[in-house]
Amino acid sequence: MRPFTRIVAAGALSAATVVGTTSLAPDADARVSEGRYRAVTSVFGMTFRTYVAVNGHTLYDFGPLGAQRSRIVSTRTGGFYDAYGQRRVLNRRPGGGFSGPVFVGPVVVGHSELRPTSH
């Protein structure tokens, strides 16, 4: 391989590595912060209030149907998790809280909030 071709190939490989790394790496601030939260969820006209705890990528919901564990998938704006047949989206809000729509399939059926708490 000629020297000029090697330089071009090495430059292209380096550029592809940098672009791939930066485009695939998640935002450092994107995930739902660990801690305890007060959850308020309104679905189908009913409001549920529970306490939840986030540890890593796992959300523990201590609700009326007993304790449930859900995996949080990080997104650019916070994350989402599936619980009780619903997808709950968590978008970061000022003050350390999260809120977003609740889906059943493609239909929005309610709204959910997580507010930081010390309990």
PDB file of N, CA and C in Angstrom:
ATOM      1  N   MET A   1       0.848  -1.172   0.000  1.00  0.00           N
ATOM      2  CA  MET A   1       0.000   0.000   0.000  1.00  0.00           C
ATOM      3  C   MET A   1       0.894   1.235   0.000  1.00  0.00           C
ATOM      4  N   ARG A   2       0.546   2.197  -0.801  1.00  0.00           N
ATOM      5  CA  ARG A   2       1.343   3.416  -0.904  1.00  0.00           C
ATOM      6  C   ARG A   2       1.139   4.273   0.343  1.00  0.00           C
ATOM      7  N   PRO A   3       2.132   5.109   0.693  1.00  0.00           N
ATOM      8  CA  PRO A   3       2.036   5.925   1.905  1.00  0.00           C
ATOM      9  C   PRO A   3       0.802   6.826   1.920  1.00  0.00           C
ATOM     10  N   PHE A   4       0.479   7.456   0.782  1.00  0.00           N
ATOM     11  CA  PHE A   4      -0.673   8.351   0.759  1.00  0.00           C
ATOM     12  C   PHE A   4      -1.963   7.566   1.023  1.00  0.00           C
ATOM     13  N   THR A   5      -2.096   6.378   0.443  1.00  0.00           N
ATOM     14  CA  THR A   5      -3.278   5.548   0.635  1.00  0.00           C
ATOM     15  C   THR A   5      -3.401   5.110   2.087  1.00  0.00           C
ATOM     16  N   ARG A   6      -2.271   4.794   2.711  1.00  0.00           N
ATOM     17  CA  ARG A   6      -2.279   4.410   4.131  1.00  0.00           C
ATOM     18  C   ARG A   6      -2.781   5.554   5.005  1.00  0.00           C
ATOM     19  N   ILE A   7      -2.316   6.756   4.720  1.00  0.00           N
ATOM     20  CA  ILE A   7      -2.716   7.926   5.513  1.00  0.00           C
ATOM     21  C   ILE A   7      -4.215   8.165   5.365  1.00  0.00           C
ATOM     22  N   VAL A   8      -4.716   8.089   4.142  1.00  0.00           N
ATOM     23  CA  VAL A   8      -6.152   8.302   3.908  1.00  0.00           C
ATOM     24  C   VAL A   8      -6.965   7.211   4.605  1.00  0.00           C
ATOM     25  N   ALA A   9      -6.525   5.963   4.485  1.00  0.00           N
ATOM     26  CA  ALA A   9      -7.248   4.860   5.115  1.00  0.00           C
ATOM     27  C   ALA A   9      -7.230   4.995   6.638  1.00  0.00           C
ATOM     28  N   ALA A  10      -6.096   5.352   7.208  1.00  0.00           N
ATOM     29  CA  ALA A  10      -6.002   5.530   8.653  1.00  0.00           C
ATOM     30  C   ALA A  10      -6.870   6.694   9.119  1.00  0.00           C
ATOM     31  N   GLY A  11      -6.894   7.778   8.353  1.00  0.00           N
ATOM     32  CA  GLY A  11      -7.735   8.922   8.699  1.00  0.00           C
ATOM     33  C   GLY A  11      -9.214   8.572   8.640  1.00  0.00           C
ATOM     34  N   ALA A  12      -9.610   7.831   7.619  1.00  0.00           N
ATOM     35  CA  ALA A  12     -11.016   7.434   7.490  1.00  0.00           C
ATOM     36  C   ALA A  12     -11.422   6.503   8.627  1.00  0.00           C
ATOM     37  N   LEU A  13     -10.559   5.573   8.983  1.00  0.00           N
ATOM     38  CA  LEU A  13     -10.846   4.655  10.082  1.00  0.00           C
ATOM     39  C   LEU A  13     -10.953   5.412  11.406  1.00  0.00           C
ATOM     40  N   SER A  14     -10.060   6.351  11.642  1.00  0.00           N
ATOM     41  CA  SER A  14     -10.099   7.146  12.869  1.00  0.00           C
ATOM     42  C   SER A  14     -11.375   7.981  12.935  1.00  0.00           C
ATOM     43  N   ALA A  15     -11.741   8.605  11.827  1.00  0.00           N
ATOM     44  CA  ALA A  15     -12.954   9.427  11.795  1.00  0.00           C
ATOM     45  C   ALA A  15     -14.194   8.575  12.035  1.00  0.00           C
ATOM     46  N   ALA A  16     -14.242   7.402  11.428  1.00  0.00           N
ATOM     47  CA  ALA A  16     -15.394   6.515  11.619  1.00  0.00           C
ATOM     48  C   ALA A  16     -15.490   6.055  13.071  1.00  0.00           C
ATOM     49  N   THR A  17     -14.355   5.805  13.692  1.00  0.00           N
ATOM     50  CA  THR A  17     -14.350   5.391  15.091  1.00  0.00           C
ATOM     51  C   THR A  17     -14.866   6.505  15.987  1.00  0.00           C
ATOM     52  N   VAL A  18     -14.413   7.717  15.772  1.00  0.00           N
ATOM     53  CA  VAL A  18     -14.846   8.850  16.583  1.00  0.00           C
ATOM     54  C   VAL A  18     -16.329   9.119  16.380  1.00  0.00           C
ATOM     55  N   VAL A  19     -16.795   9.133  15.136  1.00  0.00           N
ATOM     56  CA  VAL A  19     -18.204   9.395  14.861  1.00  0.00           C
ATOM     57  C   VAL A  19     -19.074   8.290  15.453  1.00  0.00           C
ATOM     58  N   GLY A  20     -18.684   7.048  15.292  1.00  0.00           N
ATOM     59  CA  GLY A  20     -19.457   5.935  15.846  1.00  0.00           C
ATOM     60  C   GLY A  20     -19.518   5.974  17.356  1.00  0.00           C
ATOM     61  N   THR A  21     -18.421   6.314  17.998  1.00  0.00           N
ATOM     62  CA  THR A  21     -18.391   6.371  19.456  1.00  0.00           C
ATOM     63  C   THR A  21     -19.258   7.495  19.982  1.00  0.00           C
ATOM     64  N   THR A  22     -19.187   8.665  19.377  1.00  0.00           N
ATOM     65  CA  THR A  22     -19.959   9.795  19.892  1.00  0.00           C
ATOM     66  C   THR A  22     -21.433   9.676  19.547  1.00  0.00           C
ATOM     67  N   SER A  23     -21.789   9.058  18.428  1.00  0.00           N
ATOM     68  CA  SER A  23     -23.204   8.957  18.080  1.00  0.00           C
ATOM     69  C   SER A  23     -23.890   7.813  18.821  1.00  0.00           C
ATOM     70  N   LEU A  24     -23.152   6.799  19.232  1.00  0.00           N
ATOM     71  CA  LEU A  24     -23.751   5.669  19.935  1.00  0.00           C
ATOM     72  C   LEU A  24     -23.691   5.812  21.450  1.00  0.00           C
ATOM     73  N   ALA A  25     -22.842   6.654  21.962  1.00  0.00           N
ATOM     74  CA  ALA A  25     -22.714   6.804  23.407  1.00  0.00           C
ATOM     75  C   ALA A  25     -23.907   7.581  23.949  1.00  0.00           C
ATOM     76  N   PRO A  26     -24.531   7.108  25.040  1.00  0.00           N
ATOM     77  CA  PRO A  26     -25.657   7.840  25.609  1.00  0.00           C
ATOM     78  C   PRO A  26     -25.183   9.094  26.326  1.00  0.00           C
ATOM     79  N   ASP A  27     -26.097  10.049  26.478  1.00  0.00           N
ATOM     80  CA  ASP A  27     -25.771  11.255  27.233  1.00  0.00           C
ATOM     81  C   ASP A  27     -25.521  10.877  28.684  1.00  0.00           C
ATOM     82  N   ALA A  28     -24.534  11.510  29.300  1.00  0.00           N
ATOM     83  CA  ALA A  28     -24.205  11.194  30.686  1.00  0.00           C
ATOM     84  C   ALA A  28     -25.356  11.546  31.618  1.00  0.00           C
ATOM     85  N   ASP A  29     -26.142  12.553  31.259  1.00  0.00           N
ATOM     86  CA  ASP A  29     -27.230  13.039  32.102  1.00  0.00           C
ATOM     87  C   ASP A  29     -28.561  12.385  31.763  1.00  0.00           C
ATOM     88  N   ALA A  30     -28.580  11.457  30.826  1.00  0.00           N
ATOM     89  CA  ALA A  30     -29.839  10.983  30.277  1.00  0.00           C
ATOM     90  C   ALA A  30     -30.613  10.057  31.207  1.00  0.00           C
ATOM     91  N   ARG A  31     -29.958   9.289  32.011  1.00  0.00           N
ATOM     92  CA  ARG A  31     -30.676   8.278  32.776  1.00  0.00           C
ATOM     93  C   ARG A  31     -31.446   8.861  33.956  1.00  0.00           C
ATOM     94  N   VAL A  32     -32.392   8.088  34.426  1.00  0.00           N
ATOM     95  CA  VAL A  32     -33.170   8.479  35.590  1.00  0.00           C
ATOM     96  C   VAL A  32     -32.272   8.338  36.811  1.00  0.00           C
ATOM     97  N   SER A  33     -32.172   9.373  37.608  1.00  0.00           N
ATOM     98  CA  SER A  33     -31.276   9.406  38.759  1.00  0.00           C
ATOM     99  C   SER A  33     -31.717   8.422  39.834  1.00  0.00           C
ATOM    100  N   GLU A  34     -30.733   7.809  40.480  1.00  0.00           N
ATOM    101  CA  GLU A  34     -31.030   6.902  41.584  1.00  0.00           C
ATOM    102  C   GLU A  34     -31.619   7.682  42.748  1.00  0.00           C
ATOM    103  N   GLY A  35     -32.497   7.039  43.492  1.00  0.00           N
ATOM    104  CA  GLY A  35     -33.084   7.670  44.663  1.00  0.00           C
ATOM    105  C   GLY A  35     -34.507   7.216  44.880  1.00  0.00           C
ATOM    106  N   ARG A  36     -35.180   7.901  45.801  1.00  0.00           N
ATOM    107  CA  ARG A  36     -36.573   7.584  46.128  1.00  0.00           C
ATOM    108  C   ARG A  36     -37.470   8.694  45.596  1.00  0.00           C
ATOM    109  N   TYR A  37     -38.633   8.288  45.110  1.00  0.00           N
ATOM    110  CA  TYR A  37     -39.561   9.217  44.490  1.00  0.00           C
ATOM    111  C   TYR A  37     -40.986   8.936  44.961  1.00  0.00           C
ATOM    112  N   ARG A  38     -41.800   9.962  44.902  1.00  0.00           N
ATOM    113  CA  ARG A  38     -43.238   9.835  45.081  1.00  0.00           C
ATOM    114  C   ARG A  38     -43.816   9.814  43.673  1.00  0.00           C
ATOM    115  N   ALA A  39     -44.521   8.743  43.317  1.00  0.00           N
ATOM    116  CA  ALA A  39     -45.094   8.609  41.979  1.00  0.00           C
ATOM    117  C   ALA A  39     -46.580   8.940  42.023  1.00  0.00           C
ATOM    118  N   VAL A  40     -47.017   9.753  41.089  1.00  0.00           N
ATOM    119  CA  VAL A  40     -48.429  10.075  40.912  1.00  0.00           C
ATOM    120  C   VAL A  40     -48.769   9.749  39.463  1.00  0.00           C
ATOM    121  N   THR A  41     -49.670   8.798  39.269  1.00  0.00           N
ATOM    122  CA  THR A  41     -50.040   8.364  37.926  1.00  0.00           C
ATOM    123  C   THR A  41     -51.547   8.466  37.756  1.00  0.00           C
ATOM    124  N   SER A  42     -51.963   9.155  36.714  1.00  0.00           N
ATOM    125  CA  SER A  42     -53.387   9.251  36.373  1.00  0.00           C
ATOM    126  C   SER A  42     -53.613   8.468  35.087  1.00  0.00           C
ATOM    127  N   VAL A  43     -54.445   7.424  35.184  1.00  0.00           N
ATOM    128  CA  VAL A  43     -54.726   6.560  34.040  1.00  0.00           C
ATOM    129  C   VAL A  43     -56.222   6.284  34.002  1.00  0.00           C
ATOM    130  N   PHE A  44     -56.833   6.466  32.833  1.00  0.00           N
ATOM    131  CA  PHE A  44     -58.263   6.218  32.645  1.00  0.00           C
ATOM    132  C   PHE A  44     -59.108   6.947  33.685  1.00  0.00           C
ATOM    133  N   GLY A  45     -58.696   8.156  34.073  1.00  0.00           N
ATOM    134  CA  GLY A  45     -59.464   8.946  35.029  1.00  0.00           C
ATOM    135  C   GLY A  45     -59.219   8.601  36.485  1.00  0.00           C
ATOM    136  N   MET A  46     -58.401   7.614  36.781  1.00  0.00           N
ATOM    137  CA  MET A  46     -58.081   7.242  38.165  1.00  0.00           C
ATOM    138  C   MET A  46     -56.669   7.703  38.493  1.00  0.00           C
ATOM    139  N   THR A  47     -56.451   8.132  39.731  1.00  0.00           N
ATOM    140  CA  THR A  47     -55.136   8.592  40.153  1.00  0.00           C
ATOM    141  C   THR A  47     -54.578   7.629  41.191  1.00  0.00           C
ATOM    142  N   PHE A  48     -53.332   7.220  40.985  1.00  0.00           N
ATOM    143  CA  PHE A  48     -52.634   6.318  41.902  1.00  0.00           C
ATOM    144  C   PHE A  48     -51.409   7.032  42.453  1.00  0.00           C
ATOM    145  N   ARG A  49     -51.208   6.940  43.760  1.00  0.00           N
ATOM    146  CA  ARG A  49     -50.034   7.524  44.410  1.00  0.00           C
ATOM    147  C   ARG A  49     -49.261   6.412  45.093  1.00  0.00           C
ATOM    148  N   THR A  50     -47.986   6.293  44.749  1.00  0.00           N
ATOM    149  CA  THR A  50     -47.138   5.259  45.340  1.00  0.00           C
ATOM    150  C   THR A  50     -45.745   5.818  45.564  1.00  0.00           C
ATOM    151  N   TYR A  51     -44.936   5.043  46.271  1.00  0.00           N
ATOM    152  CA  TYR A  51     -43.522   5.352  46.409  1.00  0.00           C
ATOM    153  C   TYR A  51     -42.745   4.414  45.500  1.00  0.00           C
ATOM    154  N   VAL A  52     -41.722   4.951  44.854  1.00  0.00           N
ATOM    155  CA  VAL A  52     -40.849   4.129  44.021  1.00  0.00           C
ATOM    156  C   VAL A  52     -39.397   4.430  44.393  1.00  0.00           C
ATOM    157  N   ALA A  53     -38.545   3.466  44.127  1.00  0.00           N
ATOM    158  CA  ALA A  53     -37.107   3.642  44.322  1.00  0.00           C
ATOM    159  C   ALA A  53     -36.408   3.256  43.026  1.00  0.00           C
ATOM    160  N   VAL A  54     -35.407   4.033  42.644  1.00  0.00           N
ATOM    161  CA  VAL A  54     -34.618   3.744  41.453  1.00  0.00           C
ATOM    162  C   VAL A  54     -33.217   3.372  41.905  1.00  0.00           C
ATOM    163  N   ASN A  55     -32.782   2.199  41.470  1.00  0.00           N
ATOM    164  CA  ASN A  55     -31.445   1.714  41.781  1.00  0.00           C
ATOM    165  C   ASN A  55     -30.831   1.226  40.478  1.00  0.00           C
ATOM    166  N   GLY A  56     -29.870   1.976  39.955  1.00  0.00           N
ATOM    167  CA  GLY A  56     -29.280   1.638  38.658  1.00  0.00           C
ATOM    168  C   GLY A  56     -30.319   1.818  37.566  1.00  0.00           C
ATOM    169  N   HIS A  57     -30.566   0.764  36.787  1.00  0.00           N
ATOM    170  CA  HIS A  57     -31.572   0.807  35.721  1.00  0.00           C
ATOM    171  C   HIS A  57     -32.838   0.063  36.137  1.00  0.00           C
ATOM    172  N   THR A  58     -33.069  -0.062  37.448  1.00  0.00           N
ATOM    173  CA  THR A  58     -34.237  -0.778  37.946  1.00  0.00           C
ATOM    174  C   THR A  58     -35.102   0.144  38.785  1.00  0.00           C
ATOM    175  N   LEU A  59     -36.405   0.120  38.521  1.00  0.00           N
ATOM    176  CA  LEU A  59     -37.373   0.890  39.287  1.00  0.00           C
ATOM    177  C   LEU A  59     -38.190  -0.090  40.121  1.00  0.00           C
ATOM    178  N   TYR A  60     -38.255   0.148  41.421  1.00  0.00           N
ATOM    179  CA  TYR A  60     -39.037  -0.660  42.342  1.00  0.00           C
ATOM    180  C   TYR A  60     -40.274   0.134  42.724  1.00  0.00           C
ATOM    181  N   ASP A  61     -41.456  -0.382  42.377  1.00  0.00           N
ATOM    182  CA  ASP A  61     -42.725   0.287  42.635  1.00  0.00           C
ATOM    183  C   ASP A  61     -43.418  -0.419  43.792  1.00  0.00           C
ATOM    184  N   PHE A  62     -43.667   0.316  44.873  1.00  0.00           N
ATOM    185  CA  PHE A  62     -44.318  -0.241  46.050  1.00  0.00           C
ATOM    186  C   PHE A  62     -45.776   0.212  46.041  1.00  0.00           C
ATOM    187  N   GLY A  63     -46.554  -0.300  45.093  1.00  0.00           N
ATOM    188  CA  GLY A  63     -47.913   0.163  44.857  1.00  0.00           C
ATOM    189  C   GLY A  63     -48.973  -0.719  45.484  1.00  0.00           C
ATOM    190  N   PRO A  64     -50.223  -0.432  45.149  1.00  0.00           N
ATOM    191  CA  PRO A  64     -51.345  -1.154  45.742  1.00  0.00           C
ATOM    192  C   PRO A  64     -51.410  -2.629  45.328  1.00  0.00           C
ATOM    193  N   LEU A  65     -50.757  -2.984  44.254  1.00  0.00           N
ATOM    194  CA  LEU A  65     -50.740  -4.380  43.809  1.00  0.00           C
ATOM    195  C   LEU A  65     -49.500  -5.119  44.285  1.00  0.00           C
ATOM    196  N   GLY A  66     -48.805  -4.556  45.271  1.00  0.00           N
ATOM    197  CA  GLY A  66     -47.584  -5.157  45.779  1.00  0.00           C
ATOM    198  C   GLY A  66     -46.362  -4.570  45.094  1.00  0.00           C
ATOM    199  N   ALA A  67     -45.207  -5.019  45.514  1.00  0.00           N
ATOM    200  CA  ALA A  67     -43.957  -4.504  44.953  1.00  0.00           C
ATOM    201  C   ALA A  67     -43.753  -5.067  43.547  1.00  0.00           C
ATOM    202  N   GLN A  68     -43.349  -4.193  42.629  1.00  0.00           N
ATOM    203  CA  GLN A  68     -43.059  -4.608  41.264  1.00  0.00           C
ATOM    204  C   GLN A  68     -41.735  -4.008  40.834  1.00  0.00           C
ATOM    205  N   ARG A  69     -40.963  -4.793  40.117  1.00  0.00           N
ATOM    206  CA  ARG A  69     -39.663  -4.340  39.617  1.00  0.00           C
ATOM    207  C   ARG A  69     -39.749  -4.187  38.104  1.00  0.00           C
ATOM    208  N   SER A  70     -39.267  -3.032  37.608  1.00  0.00           N
ATOM    209  CA  SER A  70     -39.286  -2.761  36.168  1.00  0.00           C
ATOM    210  C   SER A  70     -37.917  -2.262  35.731  1.00  0.00           C
ATOM    211  N   ARG A  71     -37.519  -2.623  34.523  1.00  0.00           N
ATOM    212  CA  ARG A  71     -36.251  -2.166  33.964  1.00  0.00           C
ATOM    213  C   ARG A  71     -36.466  -0.829  33.268  1.00  0.00           C
ATOM    214  N   ILE A  72     -35.628   0.164  33.596  1.00  0.00           N
ATOM    215  CA  ILE A  72     -35.701   1.475  32.966  1.00  0.00           C
ATOM    216  C   ILE A  72     -34.764   1.490  31.764  1.00  0.00           C
ATOM    217  N   VAL A  73     -35.294   1.918  30.631  1.00  0.00           N
ATOM    218  CA  VAL A  73     -34.494   2.084  29.422  1.00  0.00           C
ATOM    219  C   VAL A  73     -34.172   3.568  29.298  1.00  0.00           C
ATOM    220  N   SER A  74     -32.897   3.911  29.294  1.00  0.00           N
ATOM    221  CA  SER A  74     -32.483   5.315  29.224  1.00  0.00           C
ATOM    222  C   SER A  74     -32.707   5.887  27.827  1.00  0.00           C
ATOM    223  N   THR A  75     -33.123   7.155  27.796  1.00  0.00           N
ATOM    224  CA  THR A  75     -33.292   7.887  26.545  1.00  0.00           C
ATOM    225  C   THR A  75     -32.569   9.220  26.695  1.00  0.00           C
ATOM    226  N   ARG A  76     -32.581  10.025  25.649  1.00  0.00           N
ATOM    227  CA  ARG A  76     -31.908  11.333  25.717  1.00  0.00           C
ATOM    228  C   ARG A  76     -32.562  12.257  26.728  1.00  0.00           C
ATOM    229  N   THR A  77     -33.855  12.083  26.965  1.00  0.00           N
ATOM    230  CA  THR A  77     -34.582  13.001  27.850  1.00  0.00           C
ATOM    231  C   THR A  77     -34.880  12.409  29.217  1.00  0.00           C
ATOM    232  N   GLY A  78     -34.522  11.181  29.473  1.00  0.00           N
ATOM    233  CA  GLY A  78     -34.787  10.537  30.760  1.00  0.00           C
ATOM    234  C   GLY A  78     -34.847   9.037  30.612  1.00  0.00           C
ATOM    235  N   GLY A  79     -36.037   8.498  30.353  1.00  0.00           N
ATOM    236  CA  GLY A  79     -36.162   7.066  30.172  1.00  0.00           C
ATOM    237  C   GLY A  79     -37.613   6.647  30.084  1.00  0.00           C
ATOM    238  N   PHE A  80     -37.825   5.321  30.006  1.00  0.00           N
ATOM    239  CA  PHE A  80     -39.172   4.773  30.056  1.00  0.00           C
ATOM    240  C   PHE A  80     -39.095   3.394  30.663  1.00  0.00           C
ATOM    241  N   TYR A  81     -40.238   2.932  31.172  1.00  0.00           N
ATOM    242  CA  TYR A  81     -40.323   1.582  31.695  1.00  0.00           C
ATOM    243  C   TYR A  81     -41.727   1.049  31.451  1.00  0.00           C
ATOM    244  N   ASP A  82     -41.866  -0.260  31.463  1.00  0.00           N
ATOM    245  CA  ASP A  82     -43.154  -0.916  31.258  1.00  0.00           C
ATOM    246  C   ASP A  82     -43.634  -1.493  32.579  1.00  0.00           C
ATOM    247  N   ALA A  83     -44.885  -1.186  32.942  1.00  0.00           N
ATOM    248  CA  ALA A  83     -45.469  -1.695  34.181  1.00  0.00           C
ATOM    249  C   ALA A  83     -46.977  -1.793  34.014  1.00  0.00           C
ATOM    250  N   TYR A  84     -47.556  -2.857  34.536  1.00  0.00           N
ATOM    251  CA  TYR A  84     -49.003  -3.047  34.532  1.00  0.00           C
ATOM    252  C   TYR A  84     -49.602  -2.963  33.124  1.00  0.00           C
ATOM    253  N   GLY A  85     -48.868  -3.438  32.120  1.00  0.00           N
ATOM    254  CA  GLY A  85     -49.343  -3.406  30.748  1.00  0.00           C
ATOM    255  C   GLY A  85     -49.274  -2.040  30.088  1.00  0.00           C
ATOM    256  N   GLN A  86     -48.559  -1.127  30.709  1.00  0.00           N
ATOM    257  CA  GLN A  86     -48.447   0.240  30.196  1.00  0.00           C
ATOM    258  C   GLN A  86     -46.981   0.594  29.989  1.00  0.00           C
ATOM    259  N   ARG A  87     -46.729   1.522  29.080  1.00  0.00           N
ATOM    260  CA  ARG A  87     -45.396   2.103  28.928  1.00  0.00           C
ATOM    261  C   ARG A  87     -45.447   3.497  29.534  1.00  0.00           C
ATOM    262  N   ARG A  88     -44.580   3.748  30.504  1.00  0.00           N
ATOM    263  CA  ARG A  88     -44.535   5.035  31.199  1.00  0.00           C
ATOM    264  C   ARG A  88     -43.248   5.760  30.816  1.00  0.00           C
ATOM    265  N   VAL A  89     -43.406   6.931  30.217  1.00  0.00           N
ATOM    266  CA  VAL A  89     -42.281   7.730  29.750  1.00  0.00           C
ATOM    267  C   VAL A  89     -41.903   8.724  30.843  1.00  0.00           C
ATOM    268  N   LEU A  90     -40.604   8.858  31.111  1.00  0.00           N
ATOM    269  CA  LEU A  90     -40.108   9.759  32.152  1.00  0.00           C
ATOM    270  C   LEU A  90     -39.177  10.789  31.521  1.00  0.00           C
ATOM    271  N   ASN A  91     -39.667  12.001  31.356  1.00  0.00           N
ATOM    272  CA  ASN A  91     -38.860  13.099  30.832  1.00  0.00           C
ATOM    273  C   ASN A  91     -38.369  13.942  32.005  1.00  0.00           C
ATOM    274  N   ARG A  92     -37.086  14.295  31.978  1.00  0.00           N
ATOM    275  CA  ARG A  92     -36.478  15.068  33.050  1.00  0.00           C
ATOM    276  C   ARG A  92     -37.158  16.433  33.181  1.00  0.00           C
ATOM    277  N   ARG A  93     -37.426  16.820  34.426  1.00  0.00           N
ATOM    278  CA  ARG A  93     -38.034  18.114  34.745  1.00  0.00           C
ATOM    279  C   ARG A  93     -37.130  18.878  35.699  1.00  0.00           C
ATOM    280  N   PRO A  94     -37.261  20.201  35.742  1.00  0.00           N
ATOM    281  CA  PRO A  94     -36.474  20.980  36.707  1.00  0.00           C
ATOM    282  C   PRO A  94     -36.789  20.531  38.135  1.00  0.00           C
ATOM    283  N   GLY A  95     -35.799  20.567  38.996  1.00  0.00           N
ATOM    284  CA  GLY A  95     -35.994  20.170  40.382  1.00  0.00           C
ATOM    285  C   GLY A  95     -35.731  18.699  40.644  1.00  0.00           C
ATOM    286  N   GLY A  96     -35.250  17.971  39.635  1.00  0.00           N
ATOM    287  CA  GLY A  96     -34.901  16.562  39.831  1.00  0.00           C
ATOM    288  C   GLY A  96     -36.028  15.586  39.608  1.00  0.00           C
ATOM    289  N   GLY A  97     -37.190  16.058  39.179  1.00  0.00           N
ATOM    290  CA  GLY A  97     -38.313  15.167  38.947  1.00  0.00           C
ATOM    291  C   GLY A  97     -38.409  14.722  37.500  1.00  0.00           C
ATOM    292  N   PHE A  98     -39.375  13.857  37.243  1.00  0.00           N
ATOM    293  CA  PHE A  98     -39.614  13.327  35.904  1.00  0.00           C
ATOM    294  C   PHE A  98     -41.111  13.257  35.679  1.00  0.00           C
ATOM    295  N   SER A  99     -41.564  13.431  34.443  1.00  0.00           N
ATOM    296  CA  SER A  99     -42.979  13.265  34.114  1.00  0.00           C
ATOM    297  C   SER A  99     -43.113  12.942  32.642  1.00  0.00           C
ATOM    298  N   GLY A 100     -44.274  12.403  32.282  1.00  0.00           N
ATOM    299  CA  GLY A 100     -44.511  12.091  30.888  1.00  0.00           C
ATOM    300  C   GLY A 100     -45.781  11.299  30.695  1.00  0.00           C
ATOM    301  N   PRO A 101     -46.096  10.997  29.442  1.00  0.00           N
ATOM    302  CA  PRO A 101     -47.326  10.281  29.132  1.00  0.00           C
ATOM    303  C   PRO A 101     -47.253   8.801  29.483  1.00  0.00           C
ATOM    304  N   VAL A 102     -48.431   8.200  29.634  1.00  0.00           N
ATOM    305  CA  VAL A 102     -48.567   6.758  29.842  1.00  0.00           C
ATOM    306  C   VAL A 102     -49.273   6.205  28.612  1.00  0.00           C
ATOM    307  N   PHE A 103     -48.702   5.157  28.024  1.00  0.00           N
ATOM    308  CA  PHE A 103     -49.246   4.563  26.803  1.00  0.00           C
ATOM    309  C   PHE A 103     -49.743   3.146  27.061  1.00  0.00           C
ATOM    310  N   VAL A 104     -50.819   2.774  26.375  1.00  0.00           N
ATOM    311  CA  VAL A 104     -51.198   1.383  26.191  1.00  0.00           C
ATOM    312  C   VAL A 104     -51.183   1.196  24.686  1.00  0.00           C
ATOM    313  N   GLY A 105     -50.186   0.484  24.213  1.00  0.00           N
ATOM    314  CA  GLY A 105     -49.965   0.398  22.771  1.00  0.00           C
ATOM    315  C   GLY A 105     -49.611   1.788  22.264  1.00  0.00           C
ATOM    316  N   PRO A 106     -50.230   2.238  21.166  1.00  0.00           N
ATOM    317  CA  PRO A 106     -49.912   3.574  20.636  1.00  0.00           C
ATOM    318  C   PRO A 106     -50.776   4.693  21.227  1.00  0.00           C
ATOM    319  N   VAL A 107     -51.685   4.350  22.139  1.00  0.00           N
ATOM    320  CA  VAL A 107     -52.656   5.316  22.656  1.00  0.00           C
ATOM    321  C   VAL A 107     -52.208   5.878  24.004  1.00  0.00           C
ATOM    322  N   VAL A 108     -52.226   7.210  24.126  1.00  0.00           N
ATOM    323  CA  VAL A 108     -51.930   7.856  25.409  1.00  0.00           C
ATOM    324  C   VAL A 108     -53.162   7.721  26.290  1.00  0.00           C
ATOM    325  N   VAL A 109     -52.985   7.117  27.479  1.00  0.00           N
ATOM    326  CA  VAL A 109     -54.117   6.881  28.381  1.00  0.00           C
ATOM    327  C   VAL A 109     -53.988   7.628  29.700  1.00  0.00           C
ATOM    328  N   GLY A 110     -52.879   8.350  29.884  1.00  0.00           N
ATOM    329  CA  GLY A 110     -52.709   9.067  31.140  1.00  0.00           C
ATOM    330  C   GLY A 110     -51.390   9.788  31.216  1.00  0.00           C
ATOM    331  N   HIS A 111     -51.033  10.133  32.453  1.00  0.00           N
ATOM    332  CA  HIS A 111     -49.830  10.920  32.723  1.00  0.00           C
ATOM    333  C   HIS A 111     -49.206  10.406  34.030  1.00  0.00           C
ATOM    334  N   SER A 112     -47.889  10.431  34.097  1.00  0.00           N
ATOM    335  CA  SER A 112     -47.190   9.955  35.282  1.00  0.00           C
ATOM    336  C   SER A 112     -46.113  10.951  35.694  1.00  0.00           C
ATOM    337  N   GLU A 113     -45.904  11.090  37.003  1.00  0.00           N
ATOM    338  CA  GLU A 113     -44.865  11.974  37.548  1.00  0.00           C
ATOM    339  C   GLU A 113     -44.076  11.242  38.619  1.00  0.00           C
ATOM    340  N   LEU A 114     -42.790  11.537  38.680  1.00  0.00           N
ATOM    341  CA  LEU A 114     -41.944  11.107  39.798  1.00  0.00           C
ATOM    342  C   LEU A 114     -41.359  12.367  40.429  1.00  0.00           C
ATOM    343  N   ARG A 115     -41.589  12.530  41.731  1.00  0.00           N
ATOM    344  CA  ARG A 115     -41.055  13.665  42.462  1.00  0.00           C
ATOM    345  C   ARG A 115     -40.094  13.164  43.523  1.00  0.00           C
ATOM    346  N   PRO A 116     -38.904  13.744  43.622  1.00  0.00           N
ATOM    347  CA  PRO A 116     -37.948  13.267  44.636  1.00  0.00           C
ATOM    348  C   PRO A 116     -38.521  13.411  46.039  1.00  0.00           C
ATOM    349  N   THR A 117     -38.207  12.431  46.882  1.00  0.00           N
ATOM    350  CA  THR A 117     -38.652  12.463  48.263  1.00  0.00           C
ATOM    351  C   THR A 117     -37.558  11.897  49.159  1.00  0.00           C
ATOM    352  N   SER A 118     -37.640  12.169  50.432  1.00  0.00           N
ATOM    353  CA  SER A 118     -36.642  11.648  51.376  1.00  0.00           C
ATOM    354  C   SER A 118     -37.129  10.395  52.081  1.00  0.00           C
ATOM    355  N   HIS A 119     -38.359   9.965  51.823  1.00  0.00           N
ATOM    356  CA  HIS A 119     -38.916   8.773  52.503  1.00  0.00           C
ATOM    357  C   HIS A 119     -38.398   7.517  51.897  1.00  0.00           C
TER     358      HIS A 119
END
